[in-house]
Amino acid sequence: MAIRARAGARFKECSGEFEVQNFAVTCATTKPVSENKQDCREIVSGPILVAKQYTFGIVVAWSVKPDGTVEESKNLGVHVKRLDDNPEECSISLEMTVLNRMKNCYMFL
């Protein structure tokens, strides 16, 4: 009896956009703690990528002072987060661009 196995990867190109309007007000009024870090807050997009049973969204996170105001001396974070509750592992590779409405003010991540 022969045993067969298959390995490989699938590639799918897609694009998504997560626009945060009035970022200063959003930061001032957002309460969800990011990754159980009490000094960080986050906002999460809806699904931007769905691959079979896996769903991903974009997270924007920032640091706050003890009084809840934005810690301006800290960095802004942007990452991809699994939104599904499937216990299986899944790997993805993404290229993201952070765009600012100010001319020539953007970065690739």
Protein backbone atom coordinates (compact mmCIF):
# COMPACT_ATOMS: atom_id res chain seq x y z
CA MET A 1 0.00 0.00 0.00
CA ALA A 2 1.43 3.37 -1.03
CA ILE A 3 1.03 6.44 1.16
CA ARG A 4 0.62 9.75 -0.61
CA ALA A 5 0.90 13.29 0.72
CA ARG A 6 0.59 16.70 -0.87
CA ALA A 7 2.15 19.99 0.18
CA GLY A 8 2.03 23.40 -1.36
CA ALA A 9 0.76 26.91 -1.09
CA ARG A 10 -1.95 28.89 -2.79
CA PHE A 11 -1.48 32.48 -3.76
CA LYS A 12 -4.28 34.96 -4.15
CA GLU A 13 -3.89 38.66 -4.74
CA CYS A 14 -6.41 40.97 -3.18
CA SER A 15 -6.67 44.51 -1.93
CA GLY A 16 -8.52 46.14 0.92
CA GLU A 17 -8.75 49.57 2.45
CA PHE A 18 -9.36 50.64 6.03
CA GLU A 19 -9.93 54.37 6.27
CA VAL A 20 -10.01 56.04 9.67
CA GLN A 21 -11.87 59.32 9.46
CA ASN A 22 -10.95 62.04 11.95
CA PHE A 23 -8.16 60.04 13.53
CA ALA A 24 -7.69 62.43 16.49
CA VAL A 25 -11.33 62.04 17.59
CA THR A 26 -11.20 58.29 16.99
CA CYS A 27 -8.16 58.00 19.27
CA ALA A 28 -9.79 60.14 21.96
CA THR A 29 -13.01 58.12 22.06
CA THR A 30 -11.83 54.54 21.48
CA LYS A 31 -11.77 52.36 24.59
CA PRO A 32 -10.92 48.76 23.49
CA VAL A 33 -7.57 47.63 24.93
CA SER A 34 -5.10 46.24 22.39
CA GLU A 35 -3.69 42.73 22.94
CA ASN A 36 -4.37 42.94 26.72
CA LYS A 37 -1.98 45.89 27.03
CA GLN A 38 -3.67 48.45 29.27
CA ASP A 39 -1.57 51.28 27.80
CA CYS A 40 -2.67 50.55 24.21
CA ARG A 41 -5.94 51.07 22.35
CA GLU A 42 -7.02 49.71 18.96
CA ILE A 43 -9.62 49.87 16.25
CA VAL A 44 -10.25 46.86 14.01
CA SER A 45 -11.63 46.81 10.49
CA GLY A 46 -14.21 44.36 9.29
CA PRO A 47 -12.98 41.43 7.19
CA ILE A 48 -10.58 42.51 4.44
CA LEU A 49 -9.41 39.01 3.49
CA VAL A 50 -11.28 35.72 3.66
CA ALA A 51 -9.49 32.50 2.73
CA LYS A 52 -11.77 29.51 3.22
CA GLN A 53 -12.53 29.39 6.96
CA TYR A 54 -9.96 32.10 7.85
CA THR A 55 -10.88 35.77 8.14
CA PHE A 56 -8.49 38.70 8.59
CA GLY A 57 -8.87 42.39 9.41
CA ILE A 58 -6.61 45.41 9.79
CA VAL A 59 -5.81 46.78 13.26
CA VAL A 60 -4.59 50.29 14.04
CA ALA A 61 -3.14 50.55 17.56
CA TRP A 62 -1.64 53.39 19.60
CA SER A 63 -0.33 54.02 23.11
CA VAL A 64 -2.17 56.02 25.74
CA LYS A 65 -1.13 57.80 28.93
CA PRO A 66 -2.63 56.74 32.30
CA ASP A 67 -5.37 59.36 31.84
CA GLY A 68 -6.37 57.80 28.49
CA THR A 69 -5.00 60.52 26.22
CA VAL A 70 -2.78 59.61 23.27
CA GLU A 71 0.90 59.11 24.10
CA GLU A 72 2.31 61.17 21.24
CA SER A 73 5.93 60.15 21.86
CA LYS A 74 5.09 56.49 21.05
CA ASN A 75 4.67 54.84 17.65
CA LEU A 76 1.47 54.02 15.82
CA GLY A 77 1.00 50.33 15.05
CA VAL A 78 -0.74 48.70 12.10
CA HIS A 79 -1.08 44.93 11.76
CA VAL A 80 -3.26 42.16 10.42
CA LYS A 81 -5.41 40.22 12.89
CA ARG A 82 -7.30 36.95 12.61
CA LEU A 83 -10.99 37.65 13.10
CA ASP A 84 -12.24 34.05 12.95
CA ASP A 85 -12.19 31.67 15.90
CA ASN A 86 -10.90 28.65 13.99
CA PRO A 87 -8.20 26.96 16.16
CA GLU A 88 -6.11 25.84 13.15
CA GLU A 89 -2.94 27.73 12.27
CA CYS A 90 -2.81 29.74 9.07
CA SER A 91 0.03 31.74 7.54
CA ILE A 92 -0.35 34.73 5.26
CA SER A 93 1.99 37.30 3.81
CA LEU A 94 0.80 40.83 3.18
CA GLU A 95 2.19 44.12 2.01
CA MET A 96 0.49 47.17 3.47
CA THR A 97 0.82 50.87 2.81
CA VAL A 98 -0.14 53.52 5.35
CA LEU A 99 -1.40 56.56 3.50
CA ASN A 100 -1.77 60.02 4.96
CA ARG A 101 -3.73 62.77 3.28
CA MET A 102 -0.66 64.99 3.50
CA LYS A 103 1.30 64.92 0.25
CA ASN A 104 4.30 62.55 0.25
CA CYS A 105 3.50 61.34 3.77
CA TYR A 106 3.11 57.55 3.55
CA MET A 107 5.04 54.39 4.39
CA PHE A 108 5.23 50.77 3.28
CA LEU A 109 5.08 48.07 5.97
